[in-house]
Amino acid sequence: MAPSGVRVNALAPGAVDTPMHAHHRDYLFEYEKYIPLGRMEVAEDLVGPAIFLASDAGAYVTGQTIHVNGGLIMVD
């Protein structure tokens, strides 16, 4: 799609603390100890990367997946 001027990117969030997880929130927070940044992700953590991709600052970015997970993907 790039030759047509269409950029295709994705955000790959980790586990996000949202009201959807209210019934199993304790289970969700068991993963917090594995997150290098030391806290559970919240929806607002996705705002900056989304704005970057939608803005002129991300105009030369295409075909990428941005992992927004507090560093969890780099843990063995």
PDB file of N, CA and C in Angstrom:
ATOM      1  N   MET A   1       0.808  -1.197   0.000  1.00  0.00           N
ATOM      2  CA  MET A   1       0.000   0.000   0.000  1.00  0.00           C
ATOM      3  C   MET A   1       0.852   1.262   0.000  1.00  0.00           C
ATOM      4  N   ALA A   2       2.127   1.145   0.359  1.00  0.00           N
ATOM      5  CA  ALA A   2       2.994   2.319   0.435  1.00  0.00           C
ATOM      6  C   ALA A   2       3.066   3.090  -0.881  1.00  0.00           C
ATOM      7  N   PRO A   3       3.175   2.409  -2.045  1.00  0.00           N
ATOM      8  CA  PRO A   3       3.211   3.172  -3.292  1.00  0.00           C
ATOM      9  C   PRO A   3       1.955   4.019  -3.526  1.00  0.00           C
ATOM     10  N   SER A   4       0.864   3.656  -2.891  1.00  0.00           N
ATOM     11  CA  SER A   4      -0.379   4.424  -3.012  1.00  0.00           C
ATOM     12  C   SER A   4      -0.500   5.483  -1.931  1.00  0.00           C
ATOM     13  N   GLY A   5       0.552   5.622  -1.105  1.00  0.00           N
ATOM     14  CA  GLY A   5       0.542   6.632  -0.047  1.00  0.00           C
ATOM     15  C   GLY A   5      -0.150   6.194   1.227  1.00  0.00           C
ATOM     16  N   VAL A   6      -0.419   4.901   1.327  1.00  0.00           N
ATOM     17  CA  VAL A   6      -1.091   4.379   2.514  1.00  0.00           C
ATOM     18  C   VAL A   6      -0.051   3.719   3.411  1.00  0.00           C
ATOM     19  N   ARG A   7       0.037   4.201   4.645  1.00  0.00           N
ATOM     20  CA  ARG A   7       0.951   3.594   5.619  1.00  0.00           C
ATOM     21  C   ARG A   7       0.176   2.599   6.463  1.00  0.00           C
ATOM     22  N   VAL A   8       0.777   1.446   6.695  1.00  0.00           N
ATOM     23  CA  VAL A   8       0.132   0.409   7.493  1.00  0.00           C
ATOM     24  C   VAL A   8       1.039   0.073   8.668  1.00  0.00           C
ATOM     25  N   ASN A   9       0.582   0.393   9.862  1.00  0.00           N
ATOM     26  CA  ASN A   9       1.328   0.147  11.088  1.00  0.00           C
ATOM     27  C   ASN A   9       0.372  -0.427  12.123  1.00  0.00           C
ATOM     28  N   ALA A  10       0.936  -0.958  13.197  1.00  0.00           N
ATOM     29  CA  ALA A  10       0.104  -1.532  14.255  1.00  0.00           C
ATOM     30  C   ALA A  10       0.696  -1.227  15.618  1.00  0.00           C
ATOM     31  N   LEU A  11      -0.175  -1.135  16.613  1.00  0.00           N
ATOM     32  CA  LEU A  11       0.241  -1.063  18.006  1.00  0.00           C
ATOM     33  C   LEU A  11      -0.056  -2.423  18.619  1.00  0.00           C
ATOM     34  N   ALA A  12       0.918  -2.976  19.328  1.00  0.00           N
ATOM     35  CA  ALA A  12       0.743  -4.259  19.995  1.00  0.00           C
ATOM     36  C   ALA A  12       0.846  -4.039  21.499  1.00  0.00           C
ATOM     37  N   PRO A  13      -0.291  -3.831  22.154  1.00  0.00           N
ATOM     38  CA  PRO A  13      -0.251  -3.589  23.594  1.00  0.00           C
ATOM     39  C   PRO A  13      -0.025  -4.874  24.375  1.00  0.00           C
ATOM     40  N   GLY A  14       0.442  -4.695  25.597  1.00  0.00           N
ATOM     41  CA  GLY A  14       0.502  -5.821  26.521  1.00  0.00           C
ATOM     42  C   GLY A  14      -0.860  -5.937  27.185  1.00  0.00           C
ATOM     43  N   ALA A  15      -0.892  -6.529  28.363  1.00  0.00           N
ATOM     44  CA  ALA A  15      -2.142  -6.599  29.123  1.00  0.00           C
ATOM     45  C   ALA A  15      -2.447  -5.200  29.656  1.00  0.00           C
ATOM     46  N   VAL A  16      -3.630  -4.716  29.356  1.00  0.00           N
ATOM     47  CA  VAL A  16      -4.012  -3.350  29.728  1.00  0.00           C
ATOM     48  C   VAL A  16      -5.075  -3.404  30.827  1.00  0.00           C
ATOM     49  N   ASP A  17      -4.849  -2.661  31.892  1.00  0.00           N
ATOM     50  CA  ASP A  17      -5.804  -2.592  32.988  1.00  0.00           C
ATOM     51  C   ASP A  17      -6.983  -1.719  32.559  1.00  0.00           C
ATOM     52  N   THR A  18      -8.083  -2.354  32.238  1.00  0.00           N
ATOM     53  CA  THR A  18      -9.301  -1.653  31.830  1.00  0.00           C
ATOM     54  C   THR A  18     -10.482  -2.223  32.617  1.00  0.00           C
ATOM     55  N   PRO A  19     -11.630  -1.556  32.587  1.00  0.00           N
ATOM     56  CA  PRO A  19     -12.807  -2.094  33.277  1.00  0.00           C
ATOM     57  C   PRO A  19     -13.197  -3.488  32.794  1.00  0.00           C
ATOM     58  N   MET A  20     -12.812  -3.836  31.576  1.00  0.00           N
ATOM     59  CA  MET A  20     -13.120  -5.165  31.047  1.00  0.00           C
ATOM     60  C   MET A  20     -12.521  -6.266  31.931  1.00  0.00           C
ATOM     61  N   HIS A  21     -11.418  -5.946  32.632  1.00  0.00           N
ATOM     62  CA  HIS A  21     -10.740  -6.937  33.465  1.00  0.00           C
ATOM     63  C   HIS A  21     -11.186  -6.902  34.925  1.00  0.00           C
ATOM     64  N   ALA A  22     -12.249  -6.191  35.234  1.00  0.00           N
ATOM     65  CA  ALA A  22     -12.673  -6.002  36.625  1.00  0.00           C
ATOM     66  C   ALA A  22     -12.907  -7.323  37.354  1.00  0.00           C
ATOM     67  N   HIS A  23     -13.446  -8.307  36.676  1.00  0.00           N
ATOM     68  CA  HIS A  23     -13.772  -9.565  37.346  1.00  0.00           C
ATOM     69  C   HIS A  23     -12.564 -10.470  37.573  1.00  0.00           C
ATOM     70  N   HIS A  24     -11.449 -10.180  36.936  1.00  0.00           N
ATOM     71  CA  HIS A  24     -10.235 -10.976  37.171  1.00  0.00           C
ATOM     72  C   HIS A  24      -8.988 -10.085  37.303  1.00  0.00           C
ATOM     73  N   ARG A  25      -9.176  -8.948  37.926  1.00  0.00           N
ATOM     74  CA  ARG A  25      -8.101  -7.959  38.057  1.00  0.00           C
ATOM     75  C   ARG A  25      -6.906  -8.499  38.849  1.00  0.00           C
ATOM     76  N   ASP A  26      -7.147  -9.260  39.892  1.00  0.00           N
ATOM     77  CA  ASP A  26      -6.045  -9.826  40.682  1.00  0.00           C
ATOM     78  C   ASP A  26      -5.169 -10.731  39.819  1.00  0.00           C
ATOM     79  N   TYR A  27      -5.799 -11.526  38.980  1.00  0.00           N
ATOM     80  CA  TYR A  27      -5.057 -12.408  38.073  1.00  0.00           C
ATOM     81  C   TYR A  27      -4.233 -11.581  37.089  1.00  0.00           C
ATOM     82  N   LEU A  28      -4.811 -10.518  36.561  1.00  0.00           N
ATOM     83  CA  LEU A  28      -4.104  -9.634  35.628  1.00  0.00           C
ATOM     84  C   LEU A  28      -2.848  -9.058  36.274  1.00  0.00           C
ATOM     85  N   PHE A  29      -2.963  -8.622  37.511  1.00  0.00           N
ATOM     86  CA  PHE A  29      -1.842  -7.969  38.181  1.00  0.00           C
ATOM     87  C   PHE A  29      -0.738  -8.932  38.621  1.00  0.00           C
ATOM     88  N   GLU A  30      -0.959 -10.240  38.492  1.00  0.00           N
ATOM     89  CA  GLU A  30       0.111 -11.203  38.745  1.00  0.00           C
ATOM     90  C   GLU A  30       1.243 -11.033  37.733  1.00  0.00           C
ATOM     91  N   TYR A  31       0.938 -10.517  36.554  1.00  0.00           N
ATOM     92  CA  TYR A  31       1.941 -10.301  35.506  1.00  0.00           C
ATOM     93  C   TYR A  31       2.806  -9.070  35.734  1.00  0.00           C
ATOM     94  N   GLU A  32       2.371  -8.189  36.618  1.00  0.00           N
ATOM     95  CA  GLU A  32       3.076  -6.928  36.840  1.00  0.00           C
ATOM     96  C   GLU A  32       4.534  -7.141  37.247  1.00  0.00           C
ATOM     97  N   LYS A  33       4.824  -8.179  37.991  1.00  0.00           N
ATOM     98  CA  LYS A  33       6.195  -8.435  38.452  1.00  0.00           C
ATOM     99  C   LYS A  33       7.139  -8.773  37.305  1.00  0.00           C
ATOM    100  N   TYR A  34       6.611  -9.130  36.150  1.00  0.00           N
ATOM    101  CA  TYR A  34       7.441  -9.458  34.991  1.00  0.00           C
ATOM    102  C   TYR A  34       7.676  -8.271  34.064  1.00  0.00           C
ATOM    103  N   ILE A  35       7.004  -7.168  34.295  1.00  0.00           N
ATOM    104  CA  ILE A  35       7.095  -6.000  33.413  1.00  0.00           C
ATOM    105  C   ILE A  35       8.290  -5.149  33.834  1.00  0.00           C
ATOM    106  N   PRO A  36       9.288  -4.975  32.964  1.00  0.00           N
ATOM    107  CA  PRO A  36      10.480  -4.212  33.318  1.00  0.00           C
ATOM    108  C   PRO A  36      10.205  -2.791  33.815  1.00  0.00           C
ATOM    109  N   LEU A  37       9.192  -2.119  33.304  1.00  0.00           N
ATOM    110  CA  LEU A  37       8.889  -0.773  33.784  1.00  0.00           C
ATOM    111  C   LEU A  37       8.177  -0.787  35.132  1.00  0.00           C
ATOM    112  N   GLY A  38       7.816  -1.963  35.626  1.00  0.00           N
ATOM    113  CA  GLY A  38       7.334  -2.105  36.992  1.00  0.00           C
ATOM    114  C   GLY A  38       5.897  -1.754  37.277  1.00  0.00           C
ATOM    115  N   ARG A  39       5.083  -1.600  36.244  1.00  0.00           N
ATOM    116  CA  ARG A  39       3.671  -1.302  36.496  1.00  0.00           C
ATOM    117  C   ARG A  39       2.816  -1.844  35.361  1.00  0.00           C
ATOM    118  N   MET A  40       1.536  -2.007  35.669  1.00  0.00           N
ATOM    119  CA  MET A  40       0.597  -2.496  34.665  1.00  0.00           C
ATOM    120  C   MET A  40       0.294  -1.383  33.662  1.00  0.00           C
ATOM    121  N   GLU A  41       0.070  -1.757  32.455  1.00  0.00           N
ATOM    122  CA  GLU A  41      -0.263  -0.796  31.401  1.00  0.00           C
ATOM    123  C   GLU A  41      -1.695  -0.298  31.573  1.00  0.00           C
ATOM    124  N   VAL A  42      -1.902   0.975  31.259  1.00  0.00           N
ATOM    125  CA  VAL A  42      -3.248   1.558  31.241  1.00  0.00           C
ATOM    126  C   VAL A  42      -3.500   2.064  29.827  1.00  0.00           C
ATOM    127  N   ALA A  43      -4.754   2.269  29.495  1.00  0.00           N
ATOM    128  CA  ALA A  43      -5.122   2.669  28.130  1.00  0.00           C
ATOM    129  C   ALA A  43      -4.390   3.929  27.682  1.00  0.00           C
ATOM    130  N   GLU A  44      -4.159   4.853  28.602  1.00  0.00           N
ATOM    131  CA  GLU A  44      -3.485   6.108  28.251  1.00  0.00           C
ATOM    132  C   GLU A  44      -2.063   5.879  27.740  1.00  0.00           C
ATOM    133  N   ASP A  45      -1.457   4.746  28.054  1.00  0.00           N
ATOM    134  CA  ASP A  45      -0.111   4.447  27.567  1.00  0.00           C
ATOM    135  C   ASP A  45      -0.071   4.248  26.053  1.00  0.00           C
ATOM    136  N   LEU A  46      -1.209   3.994  25.448  1.00  0.00           N
ATOM    137  CA  LEU A  46      -1.277   3.784  23.998  1.00  0.00           C
ATOM    138  C   LEU A  46      -1.492   5.075  23.224  1.00  0.00           C
ATOM    139  N   VAL A  47      -1.852   6.132  23.922  1.00  0.00           N
ATOM    140  CA  VAL A  47      -2.179   7.397  23.261  1.00  0.00           C
ATOM    141  C   VAL A  47      -0.984   7.991  22.524  1.00  0.00           C
ATOM    142  N   GLY A  48       0.159   8.103  23.190  1.00  0.00           N
ATOM    143  CA  GLY A  48       1.346   8.708  22.567  1.00  0.00           C
ATOM    144  C   GLY A  48       1.775   8.001  21.294  1.00  0.00           C
ATOM    145  N   PRO A  49       1.944   6.669  21.335  1.00  0.00           N
ATOM    146  CA  PRO A  49       2.321   5.966  20.108  1.00  0.00           C
ATOM    147  C   PRO A  49       1.277   6.105  18.997  1.00  0.00           C
ATOM    148  N   ALA A  50      -0.003   6.110  19.349  1.00  0.00           N
ATOM    149  CA  ALA A  50      -1.050   6.273  18.328  1.00  0.00           C
ATOM    150  C   ALA A  50      -0.983   7.655  17.691  1.00  0.00           C
ATOM    151  N   ILE A  51      -0.780   8.680  18.518  1.00  0.00           N
ATOM    152  CA  ILE A  51      -0.666  10.042  17.986  1.00  0.00           C
ATOM    153  C   ILE A  51       0.564  10.149  17.099  1.00  0.00           C
ATOM    154  N   PHE A  52       1.674   9.556  17.530  1.00  0.00           N
ATOM    155  CA  PHE A  52       2.892   9.571  16.709  1.00  0.00           C
ATOM    156  C   PHE A  52       2.617   8.971  15.334  1.00  0.00           C
ATOM    157  N   LEU A  53       2.002   7.795  15.290  1.00  0.00           N
ATOM    158  CA  LEU A  53       1.750   7.148  13.999  1.00  0.00           C
ATOM    159  C   LEU A  53       0.786   7.947  13.123  1.00  0.00           C
ATOM    160  N   ALA A  54      -0.147   8.646  13.746  1.00  0.00           N
ATOM    161  CA  ALA A  54      -1.131   9.417  12.980  1.00  0.00           C
ATOM    162  C   ALA A  54      -0.634  10.802  12.585  1.00  0.00           C
ATOM    163  N   SER A  55       0.479  11.230  13.156  1.00  0.00           N
ATOM    164  CA  SER A  55       0.964  12.588  12.921  1.00  0.00           C
ATOM    165  C   SER A  55       2.026  12.645  11.822  1.00  0.00           C
ATOM    166  N   ASP A  56       2.415  13.856  11.485  1.00  0.00           N
ATOM    167  CA  ASP A  56       3.495  14.052  10.520  1.00  0.00           C
ATOM    168  C   ASP A  56       4.815  13.489  11.034  1.00  0.00           C
ATOM    169  N   ALA A  57       4.975  13.393  12.353  1.00  0.00           N
ATOM    170  CA  ALA A  57       6.207  12.843  12.926  1.00  0.00           C
ATOM    171  C   ALA A  57       6.407  11.386  12.518  1.00  0.00           C
ATOM    172  N   GLY A  58       5.323  10.667  12.257  1.00  0.00           N
ATOM    173  CA  GLY A  58       5.414   9.272  11.840  1.00  0.00           C
ATOM    174  C   GLY A  58       5.206   9.078  10.354  1.00  0.00           C
ATOM    175  N   ALA A  59       5.338  10.146   9.584  1.00  0.00           N
ATOM    176  CA  ALA A  59       5.035  10.095   8.153  1.00  0.00           C
ATOM    177  C   ALA A  59       5.931   9.142   7.359  1.00  0.00           C
ATOM    178  N   TYR A  60       7.103   8.822   7.877  1.00  0.00           N
ATOM    179  CA  TYR A  60       8.025   7.945   7.142  1.00  0.00           C
ATOM    180  C   TYR A  60       8.104   6.564   7.787  1.00  0.00           C
ATOM    181  N   VAL A  61       7.099   6.237   8.586  1.00  0.00           N
ATOM    182  CA  VAL A  61       7.032   4.934   9.248  1.00  0.00           C
ATOM    183  C   VAL A  61       5.921   4.129   8.595  1.00  0.00           C
ATOM    184  N   THR A  62       6.268   2.950   8.082  1.00  0.00           N
ATOM    185  CA  THR A  62       5.254   2.060   7.515  1.00  0.00           C
ATOM    186  C   THR A  62       5.714   0.614   7.664  1.00  0.00           C
ATOM    187  N   GLY A  63       4.751  -0.271   7.752  1.00  0.00           N
ATOM    188  CA  GLY A  63       5.050  -1.689   7.869  1.00  0.00           C
ATOM    189  C   GLY A  63       5.617  -2.083   9.223  1.00  0.00           C
ATOM    190  N   GLN A  64       5.286  -1.327  10.266  1.00  0.00           N
ATOM    191  CA  GLN A  64       5.875  -1.571  11.589  1.00  0.00           C
ATOM    192  C   GLN A  64       4.819  -1.956  12.617  1.00  0.00           C
ATOM    193  N   THR A  65       5.252  -2.738  13.580  1.00  0.00           N
ATOM    194  CA  THR A  65       4.449  -3.027  14.762  1.00  0.00           C
ATOM    195  C   THR A  65       5.190  -2.430  15.944  1.00  0.00           C
ATOM    196  N   ILE A  66       4.542  -1.535  16.658  1.00  0.00           N
ATOM    197  CA  ILE A  66       5.143  -0.911  17.830  1.00  0.00           C
ATOM    198  C   ILE A  66       4.598  -1.624  19.064  1.00  0.00           C
ATOM    199  N   HIS A  67       5.495  -2.257  19.803  1.00  0.00           N
ATOM    200  CA  HIS A  67       5.117  -2.992  21.009  1.00  0.00           C
ATOM    201  C   HIS A  67       5.077  -2.029  22.182  1.00  0.00           C
ATOM    202  N   VAL A  68       3.888  -1.826  22.713  1.00  0.00           N
ATOM    203  CA  VAL A  68       3.679  -0.917  23.837  1.00  0.00           C
ATOM    204  C   VAL A  68       3.317  -1.803  25.035  1.00  0.00           C
ATOM    205  N   ASN A  69       4.357  -2.289  25.737  1.00  0.00           N
ATOM    206  CA  ASN A  69       4.095  -3.283  26.784  1.00  0.00           C
ATOM    207  C   ASN A  69       5.045  -3.140  27.983  1.00  0.00           C
ATOM    208  N   GLY A  70       5.648  -1.993  28.153  1.00  0.00           N
ATOM    209  CA  GLY A  70       6.512  -1.775  29.306  1.00  0.00           C
ATOM    210  C   GLY A  70       7.793  -2.573  29.291  1.00  0.00           C
ATOM    211  N   GLY A  71       8.157  -3.096  28.124  1.00  0.00           N
ATOM    212  CA  GLY A  71       9.382  -3.877  28.001  1.00  0.00           C
ATOM    213  C   GLY A  71       9.176  -5.372  28.170  1.00  0.00           C
ATOM    214  N   LEU A  72       7.961  -5.802  28.342  1.00  0.00           N
ATOM    215  CA  LEU A  72       7.684  -7.212  28.596  1.00  0.00           C
ATOM    216  C   LEU A  72       8.178  -8.116  27.469  1.00  0.00           C
ATOM    217  N   ILE A  73       8.159  -7.632  26.243  1.00  0.00           N
ATOM    218  CA  ILE A  73       8.579  -8.459  25.108  1.00  0.00           C
ATOM    219  C   ILE A  73      10.074  -8.782  25.164  1.00  0.00           C
ATOM    220  N   MET A  74      10.870  -7.988  25.891  1.00  0.00           N
ATOM    221  CA  MET A  74      12.307  -8.245  25.930  1.00  0.00           C
ATOM    222  C   MET A  74      12.722  -9.181  27.057  1.00  0.00           C
ATOM    223  N   VAL A  75      11.762  -9.623  27.857  1.00  0.00           N
ATOM    224  CA  VAL A  75      12.064 -10.514  28.975  1.00  0.00           C
ATOM    225  C   VAL A  75      12.128 -11.949  28.489  1.00  0.00           C
ATOM    226  N   ASP A  76      13.157 -12.668  28.874  1.00  0.00           N
ATOM    227  CA  ASP A  76      13.266 -14.099  28.517  1.00  0.00           C
ATOM    228  C   ASP A  76      12.280 -14.909  29.295  1.00  0.00           C
TER     229      ASP A  76
END
